[in-house]
Amino acid sequence: MHASLRAFLLTTALFPLYARAAPPVLALVPLPAAAQPTPGSQHIIGNLPPATSQQGLGLCFSHSAAAVFNYYQCQAAKEDCTRIDKNQLAAPLDMARYGRKPTGDVDSVGSYEDIDEGGDPLYTLETAALMVGHAVSQACFSEEKLFKDRFVPSGAITAEDIKAQRAVLNALDDFYQQHRLKAPCTDCSASDAQVAQLKAIYATTRDAGGIGRALGQPHFGGFFAAIIIPPECRRASRRAFFEFKDKMQIRALPENARQQHFAGLYQALTQALDAGNPVIIANVCLYRNARQKQCPAQYQHSLVAYGHARLCTPQGQCQEGLKVLNSWGEQWQSQEGQQWFDARHLLDSTGYGKQSIGWLEMRPPAPQN
C-alpha cells in the first residue's frame, strides 16, 4: 500500500525538539552530565558522515539508511567523511524510493519509482546497498535542491518552516490528482497550460513529455519522484555506487526470544558497534502516553547508534548509554546530539518487535573445499 505524502501529519519526528508544541521526547533521555564512562566500557565509531536533515518530510528511515550507506563509502575510499566528494555519497531523498517493497516483481531500480514517507530503514538499506547497489548522489540531488529558499540549513526547523515546505507538496499532489492519467503512457505530453501550472508550483526540469509520463504514474509518490529528481541524476555518472555491494550482508534483530528484551538486544547492539558497524534503531517510538498501547504513527522514528558505554555518576549510579546520529540537522547533532542517551529507554521504545535494530556486516569467508 502506498502512502500519500499528503496523508502524513506534522510529527515530532519532523520538527521536534525545537517546537514548543512538541511533547517530551521520551525515547531520547539524556544521561546526567555528571555521568562518565567507566574505564574500558566506551566504544565510539569515528569518521561518520555529517548529520543530515529530513526537513518537513517523514523520511527519517531513508536518512538512517543513507547514514550507514555513506559511512561505508568513506571507509572504502579511506577518506574523511566530512570532506569526501558528495558524488560518492547517497542522497537520502532518492533512497526513500526503496522504503517499501514495490507491487509486482522486484527486478531492478525501475521497480522502485515511488517516494513515500514512513518506510522501513533496514529494507531501504538492504535494497539500496546490496540489491540495487547505488543511489542518486548528494551532489546531484538533495532536500536543499528540492526546497530551495524554503530549506532550513541548520535543521532547526519550525512549524512555520514545515507549513511552507508541505504547501509545495500539497500543491503538487493537487496538480497530480487534477491531471493524472488512468494508465501509464510512454508518448504522452503535458499541455502548455499544464506545464505552466506545474512550473508555477515547482520549477521542475522535466519537459512536456516528462511531465506527461509522470502523470501516468499510478501513485503520487511516483509522480513526485519523477518531477523532483532531475533526469540527469539517473545517469551512472551522477550516482553513488556502494563499494561493498558484494561483500556485506544485512542483520536484523531480534532473532530469538532473548533479544526481545533489553539485556539480549543491547548485548547484540554493542557487539555490532565493537565490530565497527553503526546500528540502525528502526522502531523508535518518540512519544506514547500511558493510555496508548501502540505507538502513534506520527511519533515513529529511526536513528543510528554509533557509540556505547557504561556511565556512572560520582554517587555510583550507573546506566548504559548510547551515542546516536539523528536526521534533525547539524544544529541538533552538534548540541543535543553530543549527549549520551539512556540505552534502556531507547531500546524499550522499540517494543522489541521484528527488525527493531539492524546493521551491515562483512560476509563470512566462503568455506574451503
Foldseek 3Di string as FASTA:
>chain_A
DFDAQVPFDQFCQAQNPLEPPHDAQQLFAFDDPQWDFDPPFKFFFDLWAFFAAPHLGQQQLLSQLQRQLLSQLCVVVVHRNDPDDQLQGAESQFLQLQQDQAPDDDDEPVSRQFRGHDGFNLSSNCCDCANHQKHFTVVQDYVCLFCPVLDDAFLNHYPVSSVVVVVLSVLLVVLLVVQADPAADQAAFADPVSVVSNCVSPVFPDHRNLLRRLSRDPDSRNSVRSRRRHPVSPDPSRMHGRPCNPFKDKDFDDPDPVCLALVNVVVVQVVCLVVNWKKKQTFAQRDDDPVDPDRPSSRTHMWIWRMWGWIAHPVGDIAIWTQIRGNSGNNCCVPVRVGTGGSRSNQVRNSRDTRRMMTMDTDDDDDDD
